[in-house]
């Protein structure tokens, strides 16, 4: 799998880097140990930020600026990392689901990056292309139904959109049957930890909680 960039979209998100991970996984219900890590990170955020400060976290602010450059209001279509952090600061529990989904949420809480997780066997083709959502482009968001992605950053496979920073597509979502993972860490701006620290944390979490093997990663830049 590789990442390609449409020139128009890359020009509106010039600082974007995408870390593409692939791995073989076991995606079971979330363990208590992983959930304890999530609860600890929620506590850290609640003690460190006020609600109005969340959107100013560097990584979240970078994502919001990309939305605005592409024509989308980030207050109406919040990036998923921002929405998760807001829940934590409000003291609202996250939904407990499956291991890889929840460890992706943990990574978003830690970094402020909106992260995509996809079942590799449901992706059509051998690449994902970063572009801008088009008018009336069909997109079935997980748990939300049809989502208006016009003006949203979007990753597409050979069939259509699979992921935006607001929500991934139901067509390629992770399930208990998922054995091959594609994950994208979408870095529109740096976060509080470096790219290599993000890589190390992804590998740690996948190996510890999802019994991941054959983990590979590549960092792609919109300006490459």
C-alpha atoms as a PDB file:
ATOM      1  CA  UNK A   1       0.000   0.000   0.000  1.00  0.00           C
ATOM      2  CA  UNK A   2       1.197   3.547  -0.744  1.00  0.00           C
ATOM      3  CA  UNK A   3      -0.102   7.119  -0.439  1.00  0.00           C
ATOM      4  CA  UNK A   4      -0.513   9.438  -3.438  1.00  0.00           C
ATOM      5  CA  UNK A   5      -1.385  13.145  -3.314  1.00  0.00           C
ATOM      6  CA  UNK A   6      -3.611  15.163  -5.626  1.00  0.00           C
ATOM      7  CA  UNK A   7      -1.762  18.448  -6.311  1.00  0.00           C
ATOM      8  CA  UNK A   8      -4.729  20.693  -5.398  1.00  0.00           C
ATOM      9  CA  UNK A   9      -5.212  18.967  -2.051  1.00  0.00           C
ATOM     10  CA  UNK A  10      -1.505  18.907  -1.262  1.00  0.00           C
ATOM     11  CA  UNK A  11      -1.307  22.649  -1.923  1.00  0.00           C
ATOM     12  CA  UNK A  12      -4.007  23.286   0.677  1.00  0.00           C
ATOM     13  CA  UNK A  13      -2.299  21.140   3.309  1.00  0.00           C
ATOM     14  CA  UNK A  14       1.370  21.871   2.639  1.00  0.00           C
ATOM     15  CA  UNK A  15       2.589  20.696   6.037  1.00  0.00           C
ATOM     16  CA  UNK A  16       0.796  17.351   5.892  1.00  0.00           C
ATOM     17  CA  UNK A  17       2.691  14.156   6.573  1.00  0.00           C
ATOM     18  CA  UNK A  18       0.943  10.789   6.640  1.00  0.00           C
ATOM     19  CA  UNK A  19       2.462   7.804   8.412  1.00  0.00           C
ATOM     20  CA  UNK A  20       1.116   4.667   6.756  1.00  0.00           C
ATOM     21  CA  UNK A  21       1.230   1.504   8.877  1.00  0.00           C
ATOM     22  CA  UNK A  22       0.429  -2.025   7.813  1.00  0.00           C
ATOM     23  CA  UNK A  23       0.270  -5.033  10.135  1.00  0.00           C
ATOM     24  CA  UNK A  24      -1.302  -8.396  10.785  1.00  0.00           C
ATOM     25  CA  UNK A  25      -3.476  -8.134  13.893  1.00  0.00           C
ATOM     26  CA  UNK A  26      -5.895  -9.839  16.258  1.00  0.00           C
ATOM     27  CA  UNK A  27      -8.737  -7.347  16.833  1.00  0.00           C
ATOM     28  CA  UNK A  28     -10.473  -8.619  19.956  1.00  0.00           C
ATOM     29  CA  UNK A  29     -12.615  -6.688  22.473  1.00  0.00           C
ATOM     30  CA  UNK A  30     -10.597  -4.123  24.393  1.00  0.00           C
ATOM     31  CA  UNK A  31      -8.763  -5.420  27.458  1.00  0.00           C
ATOM     32  CA  UNK A  32      -8.984  -3.785  30.861  1.00  0.00           C
ATOM     33  CA  UNK A  33      -5.288  -2.913  30.667  1.00  0.00           C
ATOM     34  CA  UNK A  34      -5.733  -0.934  27.452  1.00  0.00           C
ATOM     35  CA  UNK A  35      -8.862   0.710  28.822  1.00  0.00           C
ATOM     36  CA  UNK A  36      -6.886   1.785  31.904  1.00  0.00           C
ATOM     37  CA  UNK A  37      -4.374   3.530  29.605  1.00  0.00           C
ATOM     38  CA  UNK A  38      -7.243   5.343  27.893  1.00  0.00           C
ATOM     39  CA  UNK A  39      -8.751   6.433  31.198  1.00  0.00           C
ATOM     40  CA  UNK A  40      -5.371   7.710  32.372  1.00  0.00           C
ATOM     41  CA  UNK A  41      -4.933   9.760  29.183  1.00  0.00           C
ATOM     42  CA  UNK A  42      -8.452  11.183  29.568  1.00  0.00           C
ATOM     43  CA  UNK A  43      -7.534  12.254  33.106  1.00  0.00           C
ATOM     44  CA  UNK A  44      -4.333  13.926  31.885  1.00  0.00           C
ATOM     45  CA  UNK A  45      -6.246  15.912  29.266  1.00  0.00           C
ATOM     46  CA  UNK A  46      -8.988  16.924  31.703  1.00  0.00           C
ATOM     47  CA  UNK A  47      -6.360  18.221  34.119  1.00  0.00           C
ATOM     48  CA  UNK A  48      -4.254  19.951  31.435  1.00  0.00           C
ATOM     49  CA  UNK A  49      -6.782  21.736  29.188  1.00  0.00           C
ATOM     50  CA  UNK A  50      -9.851  23.877  29.368  1.00  0.00           C
ATOM     51  CA  UNK A  51     -12.470  23.316  26.676  1.00  0.00           C
ATOM     52  CA  UNK A  52     -11.564  26.451  24.719  1.00  0.00           C
ATOM     53  CA  UNK A  53      -7.907  25.364  24.595  1.00  0.00           C
ATOM     54  CA  UNK A  54      -8.494  22.044  22.823  1.00  0.00           C
ATOM     55  CA  UNK A  55      -8.749  23.502  19.320  1.00  0.00           C
ATOM     56  CA  UNK A  56      -5.421  25.263  19.871  1.00  0.00           C
ATOM     57  CA  UNK A  57      -3.466  22.042  20.360  1.00  0.00           C
ATOM     58  CA  UNK A  58      -0.908  22.183  17.564  1.00  0.00           C
ATOM     59  CA  UNK A  59      -1.996  19.050  15.708  1.00  0.00           C
ATOM     60  CA  UNK A  60      -5.704  19.873  16.005  1.00  0.00           C
ATOM     61  CA  UNK A  61      -5.147  23.466  14.929  1.00  0.00           C
ATOM     62  CA  UNK A  62      -3.270  22.234  11.850  1.00  0.00           C
ATOM     63  CA  UNK A  63      -6.156  19.937  10.903  1.00  0.00           C
ATOM     64  CA  UNK A  64      -8.677  22.734  11.369  1.00  0.00           C
ATOM     65  CA  UNK A  65      -6.616  25.044   9.119  1.00  0.00           C
ATOM     66  CA  UNK A  66      -6.625  22.381   6.383  1.00  0.00           C
ATOM     67  CA  UNK A  67     -10.427  22.177   6.652  1.00  0.00           C
ATOM     68  CA  UNK A  68     -10.721  25.927   6.231  1.00  0.00           C
ATOM     69  CA  UNK A  69      -8.318  25.946   3.263  1.00  0.00           C
ATOM     70  CA  UNK A  70     -10.417  23.283   1.543  1.00  0.00           C
ATOM     71  CA  UNK A  71     -13.718  25.041   2.277  1.00  0.00           C
ATOM     72  CA  UNK A  72     -15.089  23.184   5.322  1.00  0.00           C
ATOM     73  CA  UNK A  73     -16.141  24.663   8.669  1.00  0.00           C
ATOM     74  CA  UNK A  74     -14.262  22.704  11.377  1.00  0.00           C
ATOM     75  CA  UNK A  75     -16.805  23.778  13.983  1.00  0.00           C
ATOM     76  CA  UNK A  76     -19.599  21.972  12.107  1.00  0.00           C
ATOM     77  CA  UNK A  77     -17.472  19.006  11.023  1.00  0.00           C
ATOM     78  CA  UNK A  78     -15.030  18.541  13.877  1.00  0.00           C
ATOM     79  CA  UNK A  79     -11.884  16.500  13.346  1.00  0.00           C
ATOM     80  CA  UNK A  80     -12.226  13.226  15.259  1.00  0.00           C
ATOM     81  CA  UNK A  81      -9.217  13.931  17.500  1.00  0.00           C
ATOM     82  CA  UNK A  82     -10.748  17.238  18.562  1.00  0.00           C
ATOM     83  CA  UNK A  83     -14.088  15.566  19.307  1.00  0.00           C
ATOM     84  CA  UNK A  84     -12.377  12.884  21.410  1.00  0.00           C
ATOM     85  CA  UNK A  85     -10.363  15.439  23.379  1.00  0.00           C
ATOM     86  CA  UNK A  86     -13.463  17.521  24.018  1.00  0.00           C
ATOM     87  CA  UNK A  87     -15.230  14.460  25.426  1.00  0.00           C
ATOM     88  CA  UNK A  88     -12.294  13.824  27.748  1.00  0.00           C
ATOM     89  CA  UNK A  89     -12.238  17.402  29.018  1.00  0.00           C
ATOM     90  CA  UNK A  90     -16.014  17.289  29.550  1.00  0.00           C
ATOM     91  CA  UNK A  91     -15.586  14.117  31.604  1.00  0.00           C
ATOM     92  CA  UNK A  92     -17.626  12.061  29.129  1.00  0.00           C
ATOM     93  CA  UNK A  93     -16.522   8.437  28.768  1.00  0.00           C
ATOM     94  CA  UNK A  94     -15.429   7.173  25.364  1.00  0.00           C
ATOM     95  CA  UNK A  95     -17.214   4.216  23.783  1.00  0.00           C
ATOM     96  CA  UNK A  96     -15.436   0.928  24.468  1.00  0.00           C
ATOM     97  CA  UNK A  97     -15.321  -1.208  21.340  1.00  0.00           C
ATOM     98  CA  UNK A  98     -12.481  -3.236  19.811  1.00  0.00           C
ATOM     99  CA  UNK A  99      -8.775  -3.207  20.557  1.00  0.00           C
ATOM    100  CA  UNK A 100      -7.476  -1.465  17.435  1.00  0.00           C
ATOM    101  CA  UNK A 101     -10.295   1.090  17.357  1.00  0.00           C
ATOM    102  CA  UNK A 102      -9.682   1.982  20.987  1.00  0.00           C
ATOM    103  CA  UNK A 103      -5.902   2.150  20.706  1.00  0.00           C
ATOM    104  CA  UNK A 104      -6.366   4.501  17.733  1.00  0.00           C
ATOM    105  CA  UNK A 105      -8.535   6.668  19.980  1.00  0.00           C
ATOM    106  CA  UNK A 106      -5.814   6.566  22.643  1.00  0.00           C
ATOM    107  CA  UNK A 107      -3.241   7.728  20.089  1.00  0.00           C
ATOM    108  CA  UNK A 108      -5.528  10.575  19.006  1.00  0.00           C
ATOM    109  CA  UNK A 109      -5.943  11.682  22.626  1.00  0.00           C
ATOM    110  CA  UNK A 110      -2.174  11.647  23.123  1.00  0.00           C
ATOM    111  CA  UNK A 111      -1.178  13.386  19.893  1.00  0.00           C
ATOM    112  CA  UNK A 112      -4.150  15.422  18.636  1.00  0.00           C
ATOM    113  CA  UNK A 113      -3.833  13.699  15.249  1.00  0.00           C
ATOM    114  CA  UNK A 114      -6.925  12.258  13.534  1.00  0.00           C
ATOM    115  CA  UNK A 115      -6.043   8.663  12.701  1.00  0.00           C
ATOM    116  CA  UNK A 116      -7.616   6.333  10.160  1.00  0.00           C
ATOM    117  CA  UNK A 117      -7.954   2.588  10.680  1.00  0.00           C
ATOM    118  CA  UNK A 118      -8.996   0.340   7.798  1.00  0.00           C
ATOM    119  CA  UNK A 119      -9.457  -3.345   7.038  1.00  0.00           C
ATOM    120  CA  UNK A 120      -6.841  -3.946   4.344  1.00  0.00           C
ATOM    121  CA  UNK A 121      -8.911  -6.705   2.780  1.00  0.00           C
ATOM    122  CA  UNK A 122     -11.738  -4.231   2.117  1.00  0.00           C
ATOM    123  CA  UNK A 123      -9.525  -1.644   0.378  1.00  0.00           C
ATOM    124  CA  UNK A 124      -9.656  -1.802  -3.418  1.00  0.00           C
ATOM    125  CA  UNK A 125      -6.343  -1.282  -5.193  1.00  0.00           C
ATOM    126  CA  UNK A 126      -2.791  -0.922  -3.936  1.00  0.00           C
ATOM    127  CA  UNK A 127      -2.788   2.783  -3.061  1.00  0.00           C
ATOM    128  CA  UNK A 128      -4.713   5.505  -1.232  1.00  0.00           C
ATOM    129  CA  UNK A 129      -4.973   8.979  -2.746  1.00  0.00           C
ATOM    130  CA  UNK A 130      -5.249  12.133  -0.652  1.00  0.00           C
ATOM    131  CA  UNK A 131      -7.702  14.637  -2.115  1.00  0.00           C
ATOM    132  CA  UNK A 132     -10.575  17.020  -1.413  1.00  0.00           C
ATOM    133  CA  UNK A 133     -14.157  15.805  -1.041  1.00  0.00           C
ATOM    134  CA  UNK A 134     -16.399  16.628  -4.025  1.00  0.00           C
ATOM    135  CA  UNK A 135     -19.956  17.918  -4.165  1.00  0.00           C
ATOM    136  CA  UNK A 136     -22.473  15.076  -3.717  1.00  0.00           C
ATOM    137  CA  UNK A 137     -19.683  12.515  -3.392  1.00  0.00           C
ATOM    138  CA  UNK A 138     -21.180   9.425  -1.680  1.00  0.00           C
ATOM    139  CA  UNK A 139     -19.697   8.615   1.697  1.00  0.00           C
ATOM    140  CA  UNK A 140     -21.206   6.404   4.411  1.00  0.00           C
ATOM    141  CA  UNK A 141     -19.602   7.424   7.693  1.00  0.00           C
ATOM    142  CA  UNK A 142     -19.318   4.911  10.521  1.00  0.00           C
ATOM    143  CA  UNK A 143     -22.243   5.364  12.895  1.00  0.00           C
ATOM    144  CA  UNK A 144     -23.343   8.587  11.183  1.00  0.00           C
ATOM    145  CA  UNK A 145     -24.849   7.585   7.880  1.00  0.00           C
ATOM    146  CA  UNK A 146     -24.349   9.677   4.767  1.00  0.00           C
ATOM    147  CA  UNK A 147     -21.755  12.401   5.409  1.00  0.00           C
ATOM    148  CA  UNK A 148     -21.327  15.523   3.297  1.00  0.00           C
ATOM    149  CA  UNK A 149     -17.581  15.365   2.597  1.00  0.00           C
ATOM    150  CA  UNK A 150     -17.481  18.242   0.102  1.00  0.00           C
ATOM    151  CA  UNK A 151     -14.468  20.318   1.126  1.00  0.00           C
ATOM    152  CA  UNK A 152     -13.137  17.723   3.581  1.00  0.00           C
ATOM    153  CA  UNK A 153      -9.685  16.151   3.257  1.00  0.00           C
ATOM    154  CA  UNK A 154     -10.304  12.582   2.097  1.00  0.00           C
ATOM    155  CA  UNK A 155      -8.348   9.406   1.408  1.00  0.00           C
ATOM    156  CA  UNK A 156      -9.748   7.344  -1.479  1.00  0.00           C
ATOM    157  CA  UNK A 157      -9.083   3.865  -2.769  1.00  0.00           C
ATOM    158  CA  UNK A 158      -9.970   2.730  -6.303  1.00  0.00           C
ATOM    159  CA  UNK A 159     -13.701   2.781  -5.447  1.00  0.00           C
ATOM    160  CA  UNK A 160     -14.070   5.985  -3.409  1.00  0.00           C
ATOM    161  CA  UNK A 161     -13.515   7.611  -0.043  1.00  0.00           C
ATOM    162  CA  UNK A 162     -12.342   5.456   2.850  1.00  0.00           C
ATOM    163  CA  UNK A 163     -11.325   8.051   5.417  1.00  0.00           C
ATOM    164  CA  UNK A 164     -11.593  11.686   6.470  1.00  0.00           C
ATOM    165  CA  UNK A 165     -10.327  13.302   9.687  1.00  0.00           C
ATOM    166  CA  UNK A 166     -13.986  13.585  10.767  1.00  0.00           C
ATOM    167  CA  UNK A 167     -15.002   9.942  10.230  1.00  0.00           C
ATOM    168  CA  UNK A 168     -13.895   6.797   8.438  1.00  0.00           C
ATOM    169  CA  UNK A 169     -16.121   5.049   5.890  1.00  0.00           C
ATOM    170  CA  UNK A 170     -18.323   2.126   6.880  1.00  0.00           C
ATOM    171  CA  UNK A 171     -17.186   0.189   3.793  1.00  0.00           C
ATOM    172  CA  UNK A 172     -13.624  -0.355   5.056  1.00  0.00           C
ATOM    173  CA  UNK A 173     -14.210  -0.267   8.821  1.00  0.00           C
ATOM    174  CA  UNK A 174     -12.423  -2.507  11.307  1.00  0.00           C
ATOM    175  CA  UNK A 175     -14.264  -5.503  12.751  1.00  0.00           C
ATOM    176  CA  UNK A 176     -13.467  -8.539  14.926  1.00  0.00           C
ATOM    177  CA  UNK A 177     -12.745 -10.403  11.677  1.00  0.00           C
ATOM    178  CA  UNK A 178     -10.098  -7.907  10.543  1.00  0.00           C
ATOM    179  CA  UNK A 179      -6.741  -9.630  10.222  1.00  0.00           C
ATOM    180  CA  UNK A 180      -4.809  -7.111   8.119  1.00  0.00           C
ATOM    181  CA  UNK A 181      -4.664  -3.485   9.223  1.00  0.00           C
ATOM    182  CA  UNK A 182      -3.956  -0.287   7.322  1.00  0.00           C
ATOM    183  CA  UNK A 183      -3.568   2.715   9.626  1.00  0.00           C
ATOM    184  CA  UNK A 184      -2.887   6.330   8.663  1.00  0.00           C
ATOM    185  CA  UNK A 185      -1.644   8.901  11.172  1.00  0.00           C
ATOM    186  CA  UNK A 186      -2.598  12.177   9.496  1.00  0.00           C
ATOM    187  CA  UNK A 187      -0.205  14.879  10.705  1.00  0.00           C
ATOM    188  CA  UNK A 188      -1.363  18.265   9.390  1.00  0.00           C
ATOM    189  CA  UNK A 189       0.961  19.914  11.907  1.00  0.00           C
ATOM    190  CA  UNK A 190       3.393  18.585  14.522  1.00  0.00           C
ATOM    191  CA  UNK A 191       2.091  17.389  17.864  1.00  0.00           C
ATOM    192  CA  UNK A 192       3.598  17.408  21.325  1.00  0.00           C
ATOM    193  CA  UNK A 193       5.587  14.285  20.389  1.00  0.00           C
ATOM    194  CA  UNK A 194       7.790  13.740  17.349  1.00  0.00           C
ATOM    195  CA  UNK A 195       7.017  11.579  14.332  1.00  0.00           C
ATOM    196  CA  UNK A 196       9.438   8.906  15.499  1.00  0.00           C
ATOM    197  CA  UNK A 197       7.870   8.912  18.962  1.00  0.00           C
ATOM    198  CA  UNK A 198       4.478   8.452  17.297  1.00  0.00           C
ATOM    199  CA  UNK A 199       5.862   5.497  15.327  1.00  0.00           C
ATOM    200  CA  UNK A 200       7.293   3.914  18.477  1.00  0.00           C
ATOM    201  CA  UNK A 201       3.997   4.342  20.344  1.00  0.00           C
ATOM    202  CA  UNK A 202       1.946   2.852  17.496  1.00  0.00           C
ATOM    203  CA  UNK A 203       4.221  -0.189  17.366  1.00  0.00           C
ATOM    204  CA  UNK A 204       4.136  -0.585  21.162  1.00  0.00           C
ATOM    205  CA  UNK A 205       0.353  -0.497  21.310  1.00  0.00           C
ATOM    206  CA  UNK A 206      -0.175  -2.794  18.315  1.00  0.00           C
ATOM    207  CA  UNK A 207       2.287  -5.387  19.583  1.00  0.00           C
ATOM    208  CA  UNK A 208       1.092  -5.271  23.198  1.00  0.00           C
ATOM    209  CA  UNK A 209      -2.654  -5.226  22.693  1.00  0.00           C
ATOM    210  CA  UNK A 210      -3.360  -6.499  19.158  1.00  0.00           C
ATOM    211  CA  UNK A 211      -0.665  -9.213  18.946  1.00  0.00           C
ATOM    212  CA  UNK A 212       0.544  -7.457  15.796  1.00  0.00           C
ATOM    213  CA  UNK A 213       3.226  -8.978  13.585  1.00  0.00           C
ATOM    214  CA  UNK A 214       4.910  -7.881  10.353  1.00  0.00           C
ATOM    215  CA  UNK A 215       4.443  -4.198  11.195  1.00  0.00           C
ATOM    216  CA  UNK A 216       5.724  -1.850   8.502  1.00  0.00           C
ATOM    217  CA  UNK A 217       5.483   1.921   8.149  1.00  0.00           C
ATOM    218  CA  UNK A 218       6.299   4.650   5.629  1.00  0.00           C
ATOM    219  CA  UNK A 219       6.131   8.423   6.106  1.00  0.00           C
ATOM    220  CA  UNK A 220       4.692  10.340   3.131  1.00  0.00           C
ATOM    221  CA  UNK A 221       4.798  14.117   2.695  1.00  0.00           C
ATOM    222  CA  UNK A 222       2.384  16.298   0.751  1.00  0.00           C
ATOM    223  CA  UNK A 223       5.421  18.202  -0.532  1.00  0.00           C
ATOM    224  CA  UNK A 224       7.461  15.155  -1.640  1.00  0.00           C
END
